[in-house]
Amino acid sequence: MNIFVRIEIFEEGDVYVALSPELNVSSFGETIEDAKKSFKEAVEAFIEECQEMGTLEDVLEESGFSKVDDFWKLRKPIAEEDLAFAV
């Protein structure tokens, strides 16, 4: 099984944070590559735990993934933008 996960990387203080908003999994590192590596390990651990609990398919579907053949793919937005609100 293959899962395609979107990753966001941003700077927070003196570290880089890697985040999957859909799975709510994140990790960090001193460099972007370190953050990606630790993120991959965190996602693998998350997936293994879901598999052990028998909840992986439910978690992926609830997070916006669809299964196509042997691949789990994240839905793609038709548009994306930032909006500002005055409060």
N, C-alpha and C. Protein backbone atom coordinates (compact mmCIF):
# COMPACT_ATOMS: atom_id res chain seq x y z
N MET A 1 0.85 -1.18 0.00
CA MET A 1 0.00 0.00 0.00
C MET A 1 0.90 1.24 0.00
N ASN A 2 0.50 2.23 -0.74
CA ASN A 2 1.22 3.50 -0.80
C ASN A 2 0.29 4.63 -0.39
N ILE A 3 0.82 5.56 0.38
CA ILE A 3 0.04 6.71 0.83
C ILE A 3 0.81 7.98 0.45
N PHE A 4 0.13 8.87 -0.25
CA PHE A 4 0.71 10.15 -0.60
C PHE A 4 0.24 11.18 0.42
N VAL A 5 1.18 11.80 1.13
CA VAL A 5 0.87 12.74 2.21
C VAL A 5 1.41 14.12 1.85
N ARG A 6 0.59 15.12 2.04
CA ARG A 6 1.02 16.52 1.84
C ARG A 6 1.82 16.94 3.07
N ILE A 7 2.90 17.66 2.84
CA ILE A 7 3.74 18.11 3.93
C ILE A 7 3.94 19.62 3.82
N GLU A 8 3.83 20.29 4.95
CA GLU A 8 4.14 21.72 5.03
C GLU A 8 5.37 21.85 5.92
N ILE A 9 6.30 22.69 5.51
CA ILE A 9 7.50 22.92 6.31
C ILE A 9 7.60 24.41 6.58
N PHE A 10 7.82 24.75 7.84
CA PHE A 10 7.97 26.15 8.21
C PHE A 10 8.98 26.28 9.33
N GLU A 11 9.50 27.48 9.49
CA GLU A 11 10.46 27.76 10.54
C GLU A 11 9.73 28.17 11.81
N GLU A 12 10.17 27.61 12.90
CA GLU A 12 9.62 27.98 14.20
C GLU A 12 10.80 28.15 15.14
N GLY A 13 11.15 29.40 15.42
CA GLY A 13 12.35 29.65 16.21
C GLY A 13 13.58 29.22 15.43
N ASP A 14 14.39 28.35 16.03
CA ASP A 14 15.61 27.90 15.37
C ASP A 14 15.50 26.48 14.81
N VAL A 15 14.27 25.97 14.63
CA VAL A 15 14.07 24.64 14.05
C VAL A 15 13.09 24.73 12.88
N TYR A 16 13.10 23.69 12.07
CA TYR A 16 12.14 23.56 10.98
C TYR A 16 11.10 22.53 11.40
N VAL A 17 9.85 22.86 11.19
CA VAL A 17 8.74 21.98 11.54
C VAL A 17 8.13 21.45 10.26
N ALA A 18 7.92 20.14 10.22
CA ALA A 18 7.24 19.49 9.10
C ALA A 18 5.89 19.01 9.61
N LEU A 19 4.83 19.30 8.87
CA LEU A 19 3.47 19.04 9.33
C LEU A 19 2.61 18.46 8.22
N SER A 20 1.81 17.47 8.57
CA SER A 20 0.73 16.99 7.70
C SER A 20 -0.56 17.46 8.35
N PRO A 21 -1.18 18.52 7.84
CA PRO A 21 -2.40 19.03 8.46
C PRO A 21 -3.53 18.00 8.45
N GLU A 22 -3.62 17.20 7.40
CA GLU A 22 -4.71 16.23 7.29
C GLU A 22 -4.59 15.13 8.34
N LEU A 23 -3.38 14.67 8.60
CA LEU A 23 -3.19 13.60 9.58
C LEU A 23 -2.90 14.13 10.97
N ASN A 24 -2.65 15.43 11.08
CA ASN A 24 -2.29 16.06 12.35
C ASN A 24 -1.04 15.40 12.94
N VAL A 25 -0.05 15.17 12.07
CA VAL A 25 1.23 14.60 12.47
C VAL A 25 2.30 15.63 12.14
N SER A 26 3.22 15.84 13.07
CA SER A 26 4.30 16.78 12.82
C SER A 26 5.58 16.29 13.47
N SER A 27 6.68 16.89 13.04
CA SER A 27 7.98 16.62 13.62
C SER A 27 8.87 17.81 13.30
N PHE A 28 10.11 17.77 13.73
CA PHE A 28 10.98 18.92 13.51
C PHE A 28 12.42 18.47 13.36
N GLY A 29 13.27 19.40 12.92
CA GLY A 29 14.69 19.15 12.79
C GLY A 29 15.44 20.45 12.67
N GLU A 30 16.76 20.36 12.80
CA GLU A 30 17.60 21.55 12.72
C GLU A 30 17.74 22.06 11.29
N THR A 31 17.50 21.17 10.31
CA THR A 31 17.52 21.55 8.89
C THR A 31 16.21 21.06 8.26
N ILE A 32 15.94 21.51 7.05
CA ILE A 32 14.74 21.05 6.36
C ILE A 32 14.83 19.54 6.14
N GLU A 33 15.99 19.05 5.74
CA GLU A 33 16.15 17.61 5.51
C GLU A 33 15.96 16.82 6.81
N ASP A 34 16.48 17.34 7.93
CA ASP A 34 16.27 16.67 9.23
C ASP A 34 14.78 16.64 9.58
N ALA A 35 14.09 17.74 9.30
CA ALA A 35 12.65 17.80 9.59
C ALA A 35 11.89 16.79 8.75
N LYS A 36 12.24 16.68 7.47
CA LYS A 36 11.59 15.70 6.58
C LYS A 36 11.84 14.28 7.06
N LYS A 37 13.08 13.99 7.46
CA LYS A 37 13.43 12.65 7.92
C LYS A 37 12.66 12.29 9.18
N SER A 38 12.62 13.19 10.16
CA SER A 38 11.90 12.88 11.40
C SER A 38 10.39 12.84 11.16
N PHE A 39 9.91 13.64 10.20
CA PHE A 39 8.50 13.60 9.84
C PHE A 39 8.13 12.25 9.25
N LYS A 40 8.97 11.74 8.36
CA LYS A 40 8.72 10.44 7.75
C LYS A 40 8.63 9.36 8.83
N GLU A 41 9.53 9.41 9.79
CA GLU A 41 9.51 8.44 10.89
C GLU A 41 8.23 8.58 11.71
N ALA A 42 7.79 9.82 11.95
CA ALA A 42 6.57 10.05 12.73
C ALA A 42 5.34 9.53 11.99
N VAL A 43 5.27 9.76 10.68
CA VAL A 43 4.13 9.28 9.89
C VAL A 43 4.14 7.75 9.85
N GLU A 44 5.31 7.15 9.66
CA GLU A 44 5.39 5.69 9.65
C GLU A 44 4.90 5.11 10.98
N ALA A 45 5.29 5.71 12.10
CA ALA A 45 4.84 5.25 13.42
C ALA A 45 3.33 5.42 13.55
N PHE A 46 2.80 6.54 13.07
CA PHE A 46 1.36 6.80 13.11
C PHE A 46 0.60 5.75 12.31
N ILE A 47 1.09 5.46 11.11
CA ILE A 47 0.44 4.47 10.25
C ILE A 47 0.49 3.08 10.88
N GLU A 48 1.64 2.71 11.42
CA GLU A 48 1.78 1.40 12.08
C GLU A 48 0.79 1.26 13.23
N GLU A 49 0.66 2.31 14.03
CA GLU A 49 -0.27 2.27 15.17
C GLU A 49 -1.71 2.14 14.69
N CYS A 50 -2.06 2.88 13.65
CA CYS A 50 -3.42 2.77 13.10
C CYS A 50 -3.68 1.37 12.56
N GLN A 51 -2.67 0.78 11.90
CA GLN A 51 -2.83 -0.58 11.38
C GLN A 51 -3.03 -1.57 12.52
N GLU A 52 -2.25 -1.43 13.59
CA GLU A 52 -2.39 -2.32 14.74
C GLU A 52 -3.77 -2.21 15.38
N MET A 53 -4.32 -1.01 15.38
CA MET A 53 -5.64 -0.79 15.97
C MET A 53 -6.76 -1.14 14.99
N GLY A 54 -6.42 -1.38 13.72
CA GLY A 54 -7.42 -1.69 12.71
C GLY A 54 -8.23 -0.49 12.25
N THR A 55 -7.65 0.71 12.38
CA THR A 55 -8.39 1.93 12.07
C THR A 55 -7.81 2.72 10.90
N LEU A 56 -6.79 2.18 10.23
CA LEU A 56 -6.08 2.97 9.22
C LEU A 56 -7.01 3.45 8.11
N GLU A 57 -7.81 2.57 7.53
CA GLU A 57 -8.69 3.00 6.43
C GLU A 57 -9.68 4.06 6.88
N ASP A 58 -10.26 3.90 8.07
CA ASP A 58 -11.20 4.90 8.59
C ASP A 58 -10.51 6.24 8.80
N VAL A 59 -9.31 6.22 9.39
CA VAL A 59 -8.57 7.46 9.63
C VAL A 59 -8.25 8.16 8.32
N LEU A 60 -7.79 7.41 7.34
CA LEU A 60 -7.45 8.03 6.05
C LEU A 60 -8.68 8.61 5.36
N GLU A 61 -9.78 7.87 5.36
CA GLU A 61 -11.00 8.38 4.72
C GLU A 61 -11.51 9.63 5.43
N GLU A 62 -11.49 9.64 6.75
CA GLU A 62 -11.94 10.82 7.52
C GLU A 62 -11.01 12.01 7.32
N SER A 63 -9.76 11.75 6.94
CA SER A 63 -8.78 12.82 6.73
C SER A 63 -8.77 13.34 5.30
N GLY A 64 -9.64 12.79 4.44
CA GLY A 64 -9.75 13.31 3.08
C GLY A 64 -9.00 12.51 2.03
N PHE A 65 -8.58 11.30 2.36
CA PHE A 65 -7.88 10.45 1.40
C PHE A 65 -8.88 9.55 0.69
N SER A 66 -8.53 9.15 -0.55
CA SER A 66 -9.32 8.19 -1.33
C SER A 66 -8.39 7.09 -1.79
N LYS A 67 -8.91 5.88 -1.82
CA LYS A 67 -8.10 4.75 -2.29
C LYS A 67 -8.34 4.57 -3.78
N VAL A 68 -7.24 4.60 -4.55
CA VAL A 68 -7.28 4.38 -5.99
C VAL A 68 -6.28 3.26 -6.26
N ASP A 69 -6.81 2.10 -6.63
CA ASP A 69 -5.99 0.90 -6.80
C ASP A 69 -5.28 0.61 -5.47
N ASP A 70 -3.95 0.62 -5.47
CA ASP A 70 -3.21 0.33 -4.25
C ASP A 70 -2.62 1.60 -3.64
N PHE A 71 -3.19 2.77 -4.00
CA PHE A 71 -2.68 4.05 -3.53
C PHE A 71 -3.75 4.80 -2.75
N TRP A 72 -3.34 5.41 -1.65
CA TRP A 72 -4.21 6.34 -0.93
C TRP A 72 -3.75 7.73 -1.32
N LYS A 73 -4.64 8.51 -1.93
CA LYS A 73 -4.30 9.84 -2.39
C LYS A 73 -5.18 10.88 -1.69
N LEU A 74 -4.57 12.00 -1.40
CA LEU A 74 -5.28 13.10 -0.76
C LEU A 74 -6.07 13.88 -1.79
N ARG A 75 -7.26 14.29 -1.44
CA ARG A 75 -8.06 15.09 -2.38
C ARG A 75 -7.29 16.36 -2.72
N LYS A 76 -7.45 16.80 -3.94
CA LYS A 76 -6.79 18.01 -4.42
C LYS A 76 -7.81 19.14 -4.49
N PRO A 77 -7.51 20.29 -3.90
CA PRO A 77 -8.45 21.41 -3.99
C PRO A 77 -8.49 21.96 -5.41
N ILE A 78 -9.65 22.48 -5.80
CA ILE A 78 -9.74 23.12 -7.10
C ILE A 78 -9.29 24.58 -7.01
N ALA A 79 -9.24 25.10 -5.78
CA ALA A 79 -8.73 26.45 -5.56
C ALA A 79 -8.19 26.52 -4.13
N GLU A 80 -7.22 27.39 -3.95
CA GLU A 80 -6.65 27.58 -2.62
C GLU A 80 -6.23 29.03 -2.49
N GLU A 81 -6.59 29.66 -1.39
CA GLU A 81 -6.21 31.05 -1.17
C GLU A 81 -6.26 31.38 0.31
N ASP A 82 -5.63 32.48 0.67
CA ASP A 82 -5.65 32.99 2.04
C ASP A 82 -6.69 34.10 2.12
N LEU A 83 -7.50 34.07 3.15
CA LEU A 83 -8.50 35.12 3.37
C LEU A 83 -8.21 35.83 4.68
N ALA A 84 -8.44 37.12 4.71
CA ALA A 84 -8.27 37.90 5.94
C ALA A 84 -9.64 38.33 6.44
N PHE A 85 -9.81 38.27 7.76
CA PHE A 85 -11.06 38.67 8.39
C PHE A 85 -10.76 39.70 9.48
N ALA A 86 -11.57 40.73 9.53
CA ALA A 86 -11.46 41.71 10.60
C ALA A 86 -12.34 41.24 11.76
N VAL A 87 -11.76 41.19 12.94
CA VAL A 87 -12.53 40.75 14.12
C VAL A 87 -12.47 41.77 15.21
